[in-house]
Each structure stands twice: as structure tokens, then as C-alpha cells.
């Protein structure tokens, strides 16, 4: 149970970290690329 919980926590932290990076990067890239496109 402990091993499974540790694995679940590692997977959850990886997913939440990846989604957090995507959420923080996408608006920034969109904000930077939009003036260039216009």
C-alpha cells in the first residue's frame, strides 16, 4: 500500500507539475506570439 501510494504521489506530482508548466507557458507564449502575428 505504501509503495503504491508513493508511486501515485510521484505520478500525481509529475502530472500536476506538467499541467502547471503548460498553464503558465501557454498564456505567455500566446501573449508573446500575438503581437508578432499582428
N, C-alpha and C. Protein backbone atom coordinates (compact mmCIF):
# COMPACT_ATOMS: atom_id res chain seq x y z
N UNK A 1 0.85 -1.20 0.00
CA UNK A 1 0.00 0.00 0.00
C UNK A 1 0.88 1.25 0.00
N UNK A 2 1.92 1.23 0.82
CA UNK A 2 2.80 2.39 0.89
C UNK A 2 3.50 2.61 -0.44
N UNK A 3 3.97 1.51 -1.05
CA UNK A 3 4.67 1.62 -2.33
C UNK A 3 3.73 2.16 -3.39
N UNK A 4 2.51 1.64 -3.43
CA UNK A 4 1.53 2.12 -4.40
C UNK A 4 1.22 3.59 -4.16
N UNK A 5 1.13 3.98 -2.90
CA UNK A 5 0.83 5.38 -2.59
C UNK A 5 1.97 6.28 -3.04
N UNK A 6 3.20 5.82 -2.83
CA UNK A 6 4.34 6.62 -3.25
C UNK A 6 4.35 6.77 -4.77
N UNK A 7 4.05 5.69 -5.48
CA UNK A 7 4.02 5.76 -6.94
C UNK A 7 2.91 6.70 -7.40
N UNK A 8 1.76 6.62 -6.74
CA UNK A 8 0.64 7.50 -7.11
C UNK A 8 1.03 8.96 -6.86
N UNK A 9 1.72 9.20 -5.75
CA UNK A 9 2.11 10.58 -5.45
C UNK A 9 3.11 11.09 -6.48
N UNK A 10 4.04 10.22 -6.90
CA UNK A 10 5.03 10.64 -7.89
C UNK A 10 4.35 10.95 -9.21
N UNK A 11 3.43 10.07 -9.64
CA UNK A 11 2.71 10.30 -10.89
C UNK A 11 1.87 11.57 -10.81
N UNK A 12 1.23 11.77 -9.65
CA UNK A 12 0.37 12.95 -9.49
C UNK A 12 1.22 14.22 -9.53
N UNK A 13 2.38 14.20 -8.87
CA UNK A 13 3.23 15.39 -8.85
C UNK A 13 3.77 15.67 -10.24
N UNK A 14 4.06 14.61 -11.01
CA UNK A 14 4.55 14.81 -12.39
C UNK A 14 3.45 15.43 -13.24
N UNK A 15 2.24 14.91 -13.12
CA UNK A 15 1.12 15.42 -13.94
C UNK A 15 0.79 16.85 -13.54
N UNK A 16 0.71 17.11 -12.24
CA UNK A 16 0.35 18.46 -11.79
C UNK A 16 1.45 19.45 -12.17
N UNK A 17 2.70 18.98 -12.13
CA UNK A 17 3.82 19.86 -12.49
C UNK A 17 3.78 20.17 -13.99
N UNK A 18 3.50 19.14 -14.79
CA UNK A 18 3.44 19.34 -16.24
C UNK A 18 2.27 20.26 -16.60
N UNK A 19 1.12 20.04 -15.96
CA UNK A 19 -0.05 20.88 -16.27
C UNK A 19 0.19 22.31 -15.79
N UNK A 20 0.88 22.46 -14.67
CA UNK A 20 1.17 23.80 -14.16
C UNK A 20 2.11 24.53 -15.13
N UNK A 21 3.10 23.81 -15.66
CA UNK A 21 4.02 24.42 -16.61
C UNK A 21 3.27 24.81 -17.89
N UNK A 22 2.38 23.92 -18.34
CA UNK A 22 1.63 24.19 -19.57
C UNK A 22 0.72 25.41 -19.36
N UNK A 23 0.07 25.48 -18.19
CA UNK A 23 -0.83 26.60 -17.93
C UNK A 23 -0.06 27.92 -17.82
N UNK A 24 1.15 27.86 -17.29
CA UNK A 24 1.92 29.10 -17.13
C UNK A 24 2.61 29.49 -18.42
N UNK A 25 2.93 28.49 -19.27
CA UNK A 25 3.65 28.78 -20.51
C UNK A 25 2.71 29.21 -21.63
N UNK A 26 1.57 28.56 -21.76
CA UNK A 26 0.67 28.84 -22.88
C UNK A 26 0.24 30.31 -22.93
N UNK A 27 -0.27 30.89 -21.84
CA UNK A 27 -0.66 32.30 -21.90
C UNK A 27 0.53 33.20 -22.26
N UNK A 28 1.70 32.87 -21.74
CA UNK A 28 2.89 33.68 -22.00
C UNK A 28 3.24 33.61 -23.49
N UNK A 29 3.27 32.39 -24.05
CA UNK A 29 3.60 32.23 -25.46
C UNK A 29 2.54 32.92 -26.32
N UNK A 30 1.29 32.78 -25.95
CA UNK A 30 0.21 33.41 -26.72
C UNK A 30 0.36 34.94 -26.68
N UNK A 31 0.70 35.45 -25.51
CA UNK A 31 0.85 36.90 -25.35
C UNK A 31 2.04 37.40 -26.18
N UNK A 32 3.11 36.58 -26.26
CA UNK A 32 4.31 37.00 -27.00
C UNK A 32 4.09 36.86 -28.50
N UNK A 33 3.42 35.77 -28.90
CA UNK A 33 3.27 35.50 -30.34
C UNK A 33 2.19 36.37 -30.98
N UNK A 34 1.19 36.79 -30.24
CA UNK A 34 0.10 37.55 -30.84
C UNK A 34 0.58 38.89 -31.40
N UNK A 35 1.36 39.69 -30.67
CA UNK A 35 1.84 40.96 -31.25
C UNK A 35 2.70 40.72 -32.50
N UNK A 36 3.47 39.64 -32.51
CA UNK A 36 4.30 39.33 -33.68
C UNK A 36 3.41 39.02 -34.88
N UNK A 37 2.33 38.24 -34.61
CA UNK A 37 1.43 37.89 -35.71
C UNK A 37 0.72 39.12 -36.24
N UNK A 38 0.34 40.04 -35.35
CA UNK A 38 -0.34 41.25 -35.78
C UNK A 38 0.67 42.21 -36.39
